[in-house]
Each structure stands twice: as C-alpha cells, then as structure tokens.
Amino acid sequence: MKKSLTVVMLVLTMLFTGCNPSGTDVDTDVETGVSPDVWETVSGSFTREGSSQYSNAVLQMKYLSDDCAMFEFRLMEGSEGDASETLSLSSVLLVGEDGVGRYEVPDEDGEDISITFELSEDGERITVSHRGSFTISPDGVYEFTDSALEVSKASATAIIEFLPTAATSLNHNVGEYTIEYPDEEIEGFYPVLAVFDDTGVVLAKFLVAHDLSSVYRADDDIEPVLIFGTEKP
C-alpha cells in the first residue's frame, strides 16, 4: 500500500512594510515583468507543466490589493510503491514596480527563503523560481486551469493576516493567538476563529467564503461586516 508523508509548511507574515512580507527592500532591477496592472486580473488555479499522478503541483493565486497577491502551493512528489511527500505553502507576495512578484522570509536558521513569480502578458502563465531550502521544489511553469478557488486553512489564514488590524483586531502585541479553522463549511462559509493561546479566549471571529471571494468579521455582538472581497448574503 502506498503511504503518504505529509509535510505542511505555513510561512505567515505578521509584520508588513507596505505589503512586503520580508520587511526589506524589494529589488526592482529586473525588467522582464509585466505591467503591475496585469496582476489585478489574477484569480484562479494554475497547474505546473509536466504534472503527473506521482509528481504534481498546483498554485492558487488571488490578487488582493495594494500590489499584493495571495498564493498557495500544493505540491506532491512520490512514485508507485514508495511513500509520497506533500508540501503546502501559503502567504502573500508583493508585486514590484517591475511587475515581478516576490516573497521572501528567513527560515528557522536565519537563512533567506525567497520565491519569484513572473506573470505572462496574458495572465495565463506564471513562472516560479525559488532560493533557499524546500523539501519539494515549487519551481516550474504554471498554466492557468480554472478560475475557481478552494479555501484552506493556509489560504484563509494568509488573507486574514494580510487584512488591516483595524478590521481584524489581530495584533500579536496583545498576546499570541492561533487561527482555528473548521472542518466543514456552513452555507458556503467557513467560520474561522482567532483564539488567544494562553487563555483560549476568542479574539475575533470571521466568515471566509469557500471560494475566497469574501471575508466577514462576525463577532457575537455584531452583524457580519464585509472586510474583504465581494458582498454575499
């Protein structure tokens, strides 16, 4: 029987300089990128060229605002009869003035991990390259396959962490918290909680649409308030 080894990697950013996940200057010397305006049309799933049953890669992308886009890699490598390994990576990238998307963050050893996203002129293809240590390489050319998006704990957390503190009340200065993600949706939404680690007290409640089209703040004492995306009933 084929066994599965799952490695989940969530690189989530708490501090932003603009939307720069690393808080460092972004290199804009590259002149191969498209107009940043093209990024505003990006929303959907992309599949890496050459993906197969035992080695495949899917990239979900959704433009947010202010030259920022959410990305989520779902990577798998293995072979028939051997254990397979999976990697999930989700966060927010910054599109530079040169039209190239970049994500950079130090790993546990202080070494830089970076991913570069180059979008084609028609928005149908994304070329990915990385630097640093990954258990599975995300590199390759990803072709647009579907406009549909599927929310996960990783993507929901990435978008919620991206939104302004004024809208989410999420601030690690008031205490460490954990994003709790439910197993099932309710009428098209996933009720997501931010809970303090030490006391278990709920800091904030959210409703995240199953297709990542909207996020509502939904605390017990208020009517749900749209804080991201398109309003839904």
C-alpha atoms as a PDB file:
ATOM      1  CA  MET A   1       0.000   0.000   0.000  1.00  0.00           C
ATOM      2  CA  LYS A   2       1.210   3.442  -0.788  1.00  0.00           C
ATOM      3  CA  LYS A   3       1.949   5.507   2.277  1.00  0.00           C
ATOM      4  CA  SER A   4       1.717   9.247   2.486  1.00  0.00           C
ATOM      5  CA  LEU A   5       4.042  11.528   4.408  1.00  0.00           C
ATOM      6  CA  THR A   6       2.594  14.997   4.767  1.00  0.00           C
ATOM      7  CA  VAL A   7       4.809  17.992   5.413  1.00  0.00           C
ATOM      8  CA  VAL A   8       2.882  21.216   5.962  1.00  0.00           C
ATOM      9  CA  MET A   9       4.790  24.489   5.785  1.00  0.00           C
ATOM     10  CA  LEU A  10       2.951  27.677   6.618  1.00  0.00           C
ATOM     11  CA  VAL A  11       5.087  30.790   6.292  1.00  0.00           C
ATOM     12  CA  LEU A  12       2.801  33.518   7.595  1.00  0.00           C
ATOM     13  CA  THR A  13       3.852  37.106   7.985  1.00  0.00           C
ATOM     14  CA  MET A  14       2.847  39.214  10.971  1.00  0.00           C
ATOM     15  CA  LEU A  15       4.602  42.450  10.098  1.00  0.00           C
ATOM     16  CA  PHE A  16       4.396  44.211   6.761  1.00  0.00           C
ATOM     17  CA  THR A  17       6.230  47.143   5.266  1.00  0.00           C
ATOM     18  CA  GLY A  18       3.532  48.060   2.788  1.00  0.00           C
ATOM     19  CA  CYS A  19       2.830  44.518   1.696  1.00  0.00           C
ATOM     20  CA  ASN A  20       6.458  43.411   1.604  1.00  0.00           C
ATOM     21  CA  PRO A  21       6.400  40.128   3.582  1.00  0.00           C
ATOM     22  CA  SER A  22      10.078  40.310   4.446  1.00  0.00           C
ATOM     23  CA  GLY A  23      10.004  43.937   5.522  1.00  0.00           C
ATOM     24  CA  THR A  24      13.071  44.504   3.343  1.00  0.00           C
ATOM     25  CA  ASP A  25      13.701  46.462   0.189  1.00  0.00           C
ATOM     26  CA  VAL A  26      12.468  44.826  -2.991  1.00  0.00           C
ATOM     27  CA  ASP A  27      14.878  44.522  -5.908  1.00  0.00           C
ATOM     28  CA  THR A  28      13.307  46.186  -8.920  1.00  0.00           C
ATOM     29  CA  ASP A  29      16.270  45.872 -11.319  1.00  0.00           C
ATOM     30  CA  VAL A  30      14.623  43.034 -13.250  1.00  0.00           C
ATOM     31  CA  GLU A  31      12.952  44.311 -16.422  1.00  0.00           C
ATOM     32  CA  THR A  32      11.226  41.120 -17.549  1.00  0.00           C
ATOM     33  CA  GLY A  33       7.986  41.548 -15.608  1.00  0.00           C
ATOM     34  CA  VAL A  34       4.597  42.596 -16.966  1.00  0.00           C
ATOM     35  CA  SER A  35       2.734  45.753 -16.071  1.00  0.00           C
ATOM     36  CA  PRO A  36       1.637  45.523 -12.431  1.00  0.00           C
ATOM     37  CA  ASP A  37      -1.910  46.165 -13.672  1.00  0.00           C
ATOM     38  CA  VAL A  38      -1.991  42.654 -15.180  1.00  0.00           C
ATOM     39  CA  TRP A  39      -1.709  41.200 -11.685  1.00  0.00           C
ATOM     40  CA  GLU A  40      -5.060  42.726 -10.751  1.00  0.00           C
ATOM     41  CA  THR A  41      -6.778  40.199 -13.038  1.00  0.00           C
ATOM     42  CA  VAL A  42      -5.154  37.160 -11.411  1.00  0.00           C
ATOM     43  CA  SER A  43      -7.569  34.849  -9.595  1.00  0.00           C
ATOM     44  CA  GLY A  44      -7.674  31.107 -10.024  1.00  0.00           C
ATOM     45  CA  SER A  45      -5.772  27.837 -10.063  1.00  0.00           C
ATOM     46  CA  PHE A  46      -2.644  27.060 -12.087  1.00  0.00           C
ATOM     47  CA  THR A  47      -1.111  23.619 -12.723  1.00  0.00           C
ATOM     48  CA  ARG A  48       2.619  23.089 -13.280  1.00  0.00           C
ATOM     49  CA  GLU A  49       3.649  21.789 -16.680  1.00  0.00           C
ATOM     50  CA  GLY A  50       4.615  18.119 -16.554  1.00  0.00           C
ATOM     51  CA  SER A  51       2.473  17.314 -13.504  1.00  0.00           C
ATOM     52  CA  SER A  52       1.539  13.649 -13.239  1.00  0.00           C
ATOM     53  CA  GLN A  53      -0.087  11.215 -10.840  1.00  0.00           C
ATOM     54  CA  TYR A  54       3.036  10.884  -8.707  1.00  0.00           C
ATOM     55  CA  SER A  55       4.537  14.334  -9.134  1.00  0.00           C
ATOM     56  CA  ASN A  56       2.255  17.303  -9.355  1.00  0.00           C
ATOM     57  CA  ALA A  57       1.983  20.910  -8.320  1.00  0.00           C
ATOM     58  CA  VAL A  58      -0.975  23.285  -8.100  1.00  0.00           C
ATOM     59  CA  LEU A  59      -0.743  27.008  -7.430  1.00  0.00           C
ATOM     60  CA  GLN A  60      -3.703  29.059  -6.271  1.00  0.00           C
ATOM     61  CA  MET A  61      -3.394  32.802  -6.780  1.00  0.00           C
ATOM     62  CA  LYS A  62      -5.680  35.691  -5.884  1.00  0.00           C
ATOM     63  CA  TYR A  63      -4.872  39.377  -6.214  1.00  0.00           C
ATOM     64  CA  LEU A  64      -5.787  41.209  -3.015  1.00  0.00           C
ATOM     65  CA  SER A  65      -4.949  44.929  -3.167  1.00  0.00           C
ATOM     66  CA  ASP A  66      -2.045  47.380  -2.985  1.00  0.00           C
ATOM     67  CA  ASP A  67       0.190  45.229  -5.257  1.00  0.00           C
ATOM     68  CA  CYS A  68      -0.302  42.182  -3.039  1.00  0.00           C
ATOM     69  CA  ALA A  69      -1.494  38.712  -4.016  1.00  0.00           C
ATOM     70  CA  MET A  70      -2.228  35.593  -2.003  1.00  0.00           C
ATOM     71  CA  PHE A  71      -0.536  32.395  -3.190  1.00  0.00           C
ATOM     72  CA  GLU A  72      -0.843  28.785  -2.111  1.00  0.00           C
ATOM     73  CA  PHE A  73       1.282  25.906  -3.374  1.00  0.00           C
ATOM     74  CA  ARG A  74       0.061  22.322  -3.077  1.00  0.00           C
ATOM     75  CA  LEU A  75       2.990  20.115  -4.046  1.00  0.00           C
ATOM     76  CA  MET A  76       3.345  16.332  -4.156  1.00  0.00           C
ATOM     77  CA  GLU A  77       6.236  14.053  -5.061  1.00  0.00           C
ATOM     78  CA  GLY A  78       6.442  10.276  -4.972  1.00  0.00           C
ATOM     79  CA  SER A  79       6.464   7.164  -7.088  1.00  0.00           C
ATOM     80  CA  GLU A  80       4.481   3.970  -7.371  1.00  0.00           C
ATOM     81  CA  GLY A  81       5.113   1.788  -4.337  1.00  0.00           C
ATOM     82  CA  ASP A  82       7.040   4.483  -2.462  1.00  0.00           C
ATOM     83  CA  ALA A  83       5.953   6.990   0.145  1.00  0.00           C
ATOM     84  CA  SER A  84       4.713  10.285  -1.210  1.00  0.00           C
ATOM     85  CA  GLU A  85       5.576  13.637   0.274  1.00  0.00           C
ATOM     86  CA  THR A  86       3.367  16.707   0.195  1.00  0.00           C
ATOM     87  CA  LEU A  87       4.073  20.346   0.874  1.00  0.00           C
ATOM     88  CA  SER A  88       1.585  23.170   1.406  1.00  0.00           C
ATOM     89  CA  LEU A  89       2.855  26.736   1.398  1.00  0.00           C
ATOM     90  CA  SER A  90       0.668  29.813   1.519  1.00  0.00           C
ATOM     91  CA  SER A  91       1.305  33.505   2.161  1.00  0.00           C
ATOM     92  CA  VAL A  92       1.202  36.908   0.448  1.00  0.00           C
ATOM     93  CA  LEU A  93       3.610  38.154  -2.221  1.00  0.00           C
ATOM     94  CA  LEU A  94       4.465  41.721  -3.257  1.00  0.00           C
ATOM     95  CA  VAL A  95       4.424  42.840  -6.882  1.00  0.00           C
ATOM     96  CA  GLY A  96       7.298  45.216  -7.574  1.00  0.00           C
ATOM     97  CA  GLU A  97       7.294  48.165  -9.931  1.00  0.00           C
ATOM     98  CA  ASP A  98       8.962  45.864 -12.459  1.00  0.00           C
ATOM     99  CA  GLY A  99       5.895  43.614 -12.500  1.00  0.00           C
ATOM    100  CA  VAL A 100       7.615  40.660 -10.808  1.00  0.00           C
ATOM    101  CA  GLY A 101       6.026  39.075  -7.722  1.00  0.00           C
ATOM    102  CA  ARG A 102       8.355  38.278  -4.830  1.00  0.00           C
ATOM    103  CA  TYR A 103       8.051  36.604  -1.459  1.00  0.00           C
ATOM    104  CA  GLU A 104      10.944  36.487   0.996  1.00  0.00           C
ATOM    105  CA  VAL A 105      11.241  35.450   4.625  1.00  0.00           C
ATOM    106  CA  PRO A 106      14.026  33.997   6.818  1.00  0.00           C
ATOM    107  CA  ASP A 107      13.785  30.326   7.767  1.00  0.00           C
ATOM    108  CA  GLU A 108      14.357  28.883  11.239  1.00  0.00           C
ATOM    109  CA  ASP A 109      18.125  29.129  10.765  1.00  0.00           C
ATOM    110  CA  GLY A 110      18.016  32.752   9.644  1.00  0.00           C
ATOM    111  CA  GLU A 111      18.691  31.893   6.003  1.00  0.00           C
ATOM    112  CA  ASP A 112      16.594  33.688   3.404  1.00  0.00           C
ATOM    113  CA  ILE A 113      13.861  31.771   1.605  1.00  0.00           C
ATOM    114  CA  SER A 114      12.556  33.535  -1.482  1.00  0.00           C
ATOM    115  CA  ILE A 115      10.133  32.773  -4.300  1.00  0.00           C
ATOM    116  CA  THR A 116       9.850  34.754  -7.521  1.00  0.00           C
ATOM    117  CA  PHE A 117       6.677  34.824  -9.627  1.00  0.00           C
ATOM    118  CA  GLU A 118       6.838  36.047 -13.237  1.00  0.00           C
ATOM    119  CA  LEU A 119       3.429  36.520 -14.845  1.00  0.00           C
ATOM    120  CA  SER A 120       2.877  36.321 -18.595  1.00  0.00           C
ATOM    121  CA  GLU A 121       1.379  39.248 -20.522  1.00  0.00           C
ATOM    122  CA  ASP A 122      -1.980  37.491 -20.858  1.00  0.00           C
ATOM    123  CA  GLY A 123      -2.065  36.437 -17.197  1.00  0.00           C
ATOM    124  CA  GLU A 124      -2.373  32.766 -18.188  1.00  0.00           C
ATOM    125  CA  ARG A 125       1.092  31.573 -17.147  1.00  0.00           C
ATOM    126  CA  ILE A 126       3.284  32.010 -14.070  1.00  0.00           C
ATOM    127  CA  THR A 127       6.961  31.071 -13.992  1.00  0.00           C
ATOM    128  CA  VAL A 128       8.130  30.242 -10.466  1.00  0.00           C
ATOM    129  CA  SER A 129      11.676  30.038  -9.144  1.00  0.00           C
ATOM    130  CA  HIS A 130      12.964  29.843  -5.591  1.00  0.00           C
ATOM    131  CA  ARG A 131      16.039  30.247  -3.443  1.00  0.00           C
ATOM    132  CA  GLY A 132      16.544  28.514  -0.113  1.00  0.00           C
ATOM    133  CA  SER A 133      15.625  25.170   1.403  1.00  0.00           C
ATOM    134  CA  PHE A 134      12.375  23.458   0.400  1.00  0.00           C
ATOM    135  CA  THR A 135      11.533  19.782   0.860  1.00  0.00           C
ATOM    136  CA  ILE A 136       9.832  19.928  -2.550  1.00  0.00           C
ATOM    137  CA  SER A 137      10.799  22.488  -5.175  1.00  0.00           C
ATOM    138  CA  PRO A 138       7.946  24.736  -6.382  1.00  0.00           C
ATOM    139  CA  ASP A 139       9.918  25.738  -9.498  1.00  0.00           C
ATOM    140  CA  GLY A 140       8.365  25.482 -12.927  1.00  0.00           C
ATOM    141  CA  VAL A 141       5.892  26.996 -15.355  1.00  0.00           C
ATOM    142  CA  TYR A 142       2.286  27.008 -14.141  1.00  0.00           C
ATOM    143  CA  GLU A 143      -0.572  27.192 -16.660  1.00  0.00           C
ATOM    144  CA  PHE A 144      -3.995  28.606 -15.805  1.00  0.00           C
ATOM    145  CA  THR A 145      -6.531  25.792 -15.430  1.00  0.00           C
ATOM    146  CA  ASP A 146      -9.586  27.103 -13.579  1.00  0.00           C
ATOM    147  CA  SER A 147     -10.968  30.355 -12.237  1.00  0.00           C
ATOM    148  CA  ALA A 148     -12.359  28.508  -9.217  1.00  0.00           C
ATOM    149  CA  LEU A 149     -10.565  28.787  -5.882  1.00  0.00           C
ATOM    150  CA  GLU A 150     -10.797  26.484  -2.888  1.00  0.00           C
ATOM    151  CA  VAL A 151     -10.241  27.854   0.589  1.00  0.00           C
ATOM    152  CA  SER A 152      -7.933  26.035   3.002  1.00  0.00           C
ATOM    153  CA  LYS A 153      -6.641  26.835   6.460  1.00  0.00           C
ATOM    154  CA  ALA A 154      -3.443  28.110   4.876  1.00  0.00           C
ATOM    155  CA  SER A 155      -5.110  30.443   2.370  1.00  0.00           C
ATOM    156  CA  ALA A 156      -7.747  31.663   4.841  1.00  0.00           C
ATOM    157  CA  THR A 157      -5.053  32.471   7.395  1.00  0.00           C
ATOM    158  CA  ALA A 158      -2.903  34.236   4.796  1.00  0.00           C
ATOM    159  CA  ILE A 159      -5.742  36.542   3.743  1.00  0.00           C
ATOM    160  CA  ILE A 160      -6.899  37.268   7.302  1.00  0.00           C
ATOM    161  CA  GLU A 161      -3.342  38.092   8.386  1.00  0.00           C
ATOM    162  CA  PHE A 162      -2.988  40.370   5.346  1.00  0.00           C
ATOM    163  CA  LEU A 163      -6.028  42.499   6.204  1.00  0.00           C
ATOM    164  CA  PRO A 164      -5.599  45.678   8.282  1.00  0.00           C
ATOM    165  CA  THR A 165      -5.509  45.290  12.052  1.00  0.00           C
ATOM    166  CA  ALA A 166      -8.312  47.841  12.292  1.00  0.00           C
ATOM    167  CA  ALA A 167     -10.575  45.357  10.518  1.00  0.00           C
ATOM    168  CA  THR A 168      -9.383  42.131  12.148  1.00  0.00           C
ATOM    169  CA  SER A 169      -8.175  43.177  15.647  1.00  0.00           C
ATOM    170  CA  LEU A 170      -5.294  40.720  15.145  1.00  0.00           C
ATOM    171  CA  ASN A 171      -2.199  42.084  16.822  1.00  0.00           C
ATOM    172  CA  HIS A 172       0.461  39.912  18.451  1.00  0.00           C
ATOM    173  CA  ASN A 173       1.339  42.798  20.753  1.00  0.00           C
ATOM    174  CA  VAL A 174      -1.784  41.972  22.778  1.00  0.00           C
ATOM    175  CA  GLY A 175      -0.863  38.291  23.023  1.00  0.00           C
ATOM    176  CA  GLU A 176      -0.085  35.256  20.896  1.00  0.00           C
ATOM    177  CA  TYR A 177      -3.056  33.753  19.122  1.00  0.00           C
ATOM    178  CA  THR A 178      -3.872  30.838  16.835  1.00  0.00           C
ATOM    179  CA  ILE A 179      -6.177  30.768  13.827  1.00  0.00           C
ATOM    180  CA  GLU A 180      -8.637  27.880  14.227  1.00  0.00           C
ATOM    181  CA  TYR A 181     -10.157  26.555  11.020  1.00  0.00           C
ATOM    182  CA  PRO A 182     -13.288  24.338  10.971  1.00  0.00           C
ATOM    183  CA  ASP A 183     -13.683  21.018   9.182  1.00  0.00           C
ATOM    184  CA  GLU A 184     -16.962  21.913   7.479  1.00  0.00           C
ATOM    185  CA  GLU A 185     -18.483  24.943   5.829  1.00  0.00           C
ATOM    186  CA  ILE A 186     -21.837  26.472   6.730  1.00  0.00           C
ATOM    187  CA  GLU A 187     -23.890  27.710   3.774  1.00  0.00           C
ATOM    188  CA  GLY A 188     -20.817  28.483   1.717  1.00  0.00           C
ATOM    189  CA  PHE A 189     -18.690  29.975   4.503  1.00  0.00           C
ATOM    190  CA  TYR A 190     -16.097  28.648   6.921  1.00  0.00           C
ATOM    191  CA  PRO A 191     -16.349  30.078  10.466  1.00  0.00           C
ATOM    192  CA  VAL A 192     -12.755  30.890  11.414  1.00  0.00           C
ATOM    193  CA  LEU A 193     -11.667  31.878  14.934  1.00  0.00           C
ATOM    194  CA  ALA A 194      -8.645  33.709  16.282  1.00  0.00           C
ATOM    195  CA  VAL A 195      -8.066  32.376  19.805  1.00  0.00           C
ATOM    196  CA  PHE A 196      -5.535  33.512  22.427  1.00  0.00           C
ATOM    197  CA  ASP A 197      -3.012  30.741  23.083  1.00  0.00           C
ATOM    198  CA  ASP A 198      -2.779  31.254  26.844  1.00  0.00           C
ATOM    199  CA  THR A 199      -6.422  31.719  27.828  1.00  0.00           C
ATOM    200  CA  GLY A 200      -8.407  30.180  24.983  1.00  0.00           C
ATOM    201  CA  VAL A 201     -10.476  33.358  24.788  1.00  0.00           C
ATOM    202  CA  VAL A 202     -11.744  34.188  21.298  1.00  0.00           C
ATOM    203  CA  LEU A 203     -10.100  37.332  19.948  1.00  0.00           C
ATOM    204  CA  ALA A 204     -12.114  37.592  16.735  1.00  0.00           C
ATOM    205  CA  LYS A 205     -14.487  35.600  14.554  1.00  0.00           C
ATOM    206  CA  PHE A 206     -14.600  35.550  10.759  1.00  0.00           C
ATOM    207  CA  LEU A 207     -16.611  34.028   7.951  1.00  0.00           C
ATOM    208  CA  VAL A 208     -14.451  33.088   4.958  1.00  0.00           C
ATOM    209  CA  ALA A 209     -16.217  32.243   1.692  1.00  0.00           C
ATOM    210  CA  HIS A 210     -15.447  28.782   0.339  1.00  0.00           C
ATOM    211  CA  ASP A 211     -14.154  30.352  -2.910  1.00  0.00           C
ATOM    212  CA  LEU A 212     -12.125  33.084  -1.152  1.00  0.00           C
ATOM    213  CA  SER A 213     -14.382  35.737  -2.686  1.00  0.00           C
ATOM    214  CA  SER A 214     -15.140  37.442   0.630  1.00  0.00           C
ATOM    215  CA  VAL A 215     -14.271  37.642   4.312  1.00  0.00           C
ATOM    216  CA  TYR A 216     -16.638  38.918   7.004  1.00  0.00           C
ATOM    217  CA  ARG A 217     -15.920  39.962  10.581  1.00  0.00           C
ATOM    218  CA  ALA A 218     -18.589  38.083  12.528  1.00  0.00           C
ATOM    219  CA  ASP A 219     -18.189  38.569  16.278  1.00  0.00           C
ATOM    220  CA  ASP A 220     -21.096  37.578  18.510  1.00  0.00           C
ATOM    221  CA  ASP A 221     -22.154  41.135  19.296  1.00  0.00           C
ATOM    222  CA  ILE A 222     -22.304  42.465  15.718  1.00  0.00           C
ATOM    223  CA  GLU A 223     -23.938  41.749  12.400  1.00  0.00           C
ATOM    224  CA  PRO A 224     -21.398  40.292   9.948  1.00  0.00           C
ATOM    225  CA  VAL A 225     -19.348  43.081   8.358  1.00  0.00           C
ATOM    226  CA  LEU A 226     -17.630  42.684   4.990  1.00  0.00           C
ATOM    227  CA  ILE A 227     -13.877  43.331   5.375  1.00  0.00           C
ATOM    228  CA  PHE A 228     -12.645  41.811   2.113  1.00  0.00           C
ATOM    229  CA  GLY A 229     -13.974  40.974  -1.343  1.00  0.00           C
ATOM    230  CA  THR A 230     -17.482  40.982  -2.759  1.00  0.00           C
ATOM    231  CA  GLU A 231     -20.567  41.083  -0.572  1.00  0.00           C
ATOM    232  CA  LYS A 232     -22.700  37.939  -0.371  1.00  0.00           C
ATOM    233  CA  PRO A 233     -25.951  37.269   1.506  1.00  0.00           C
END
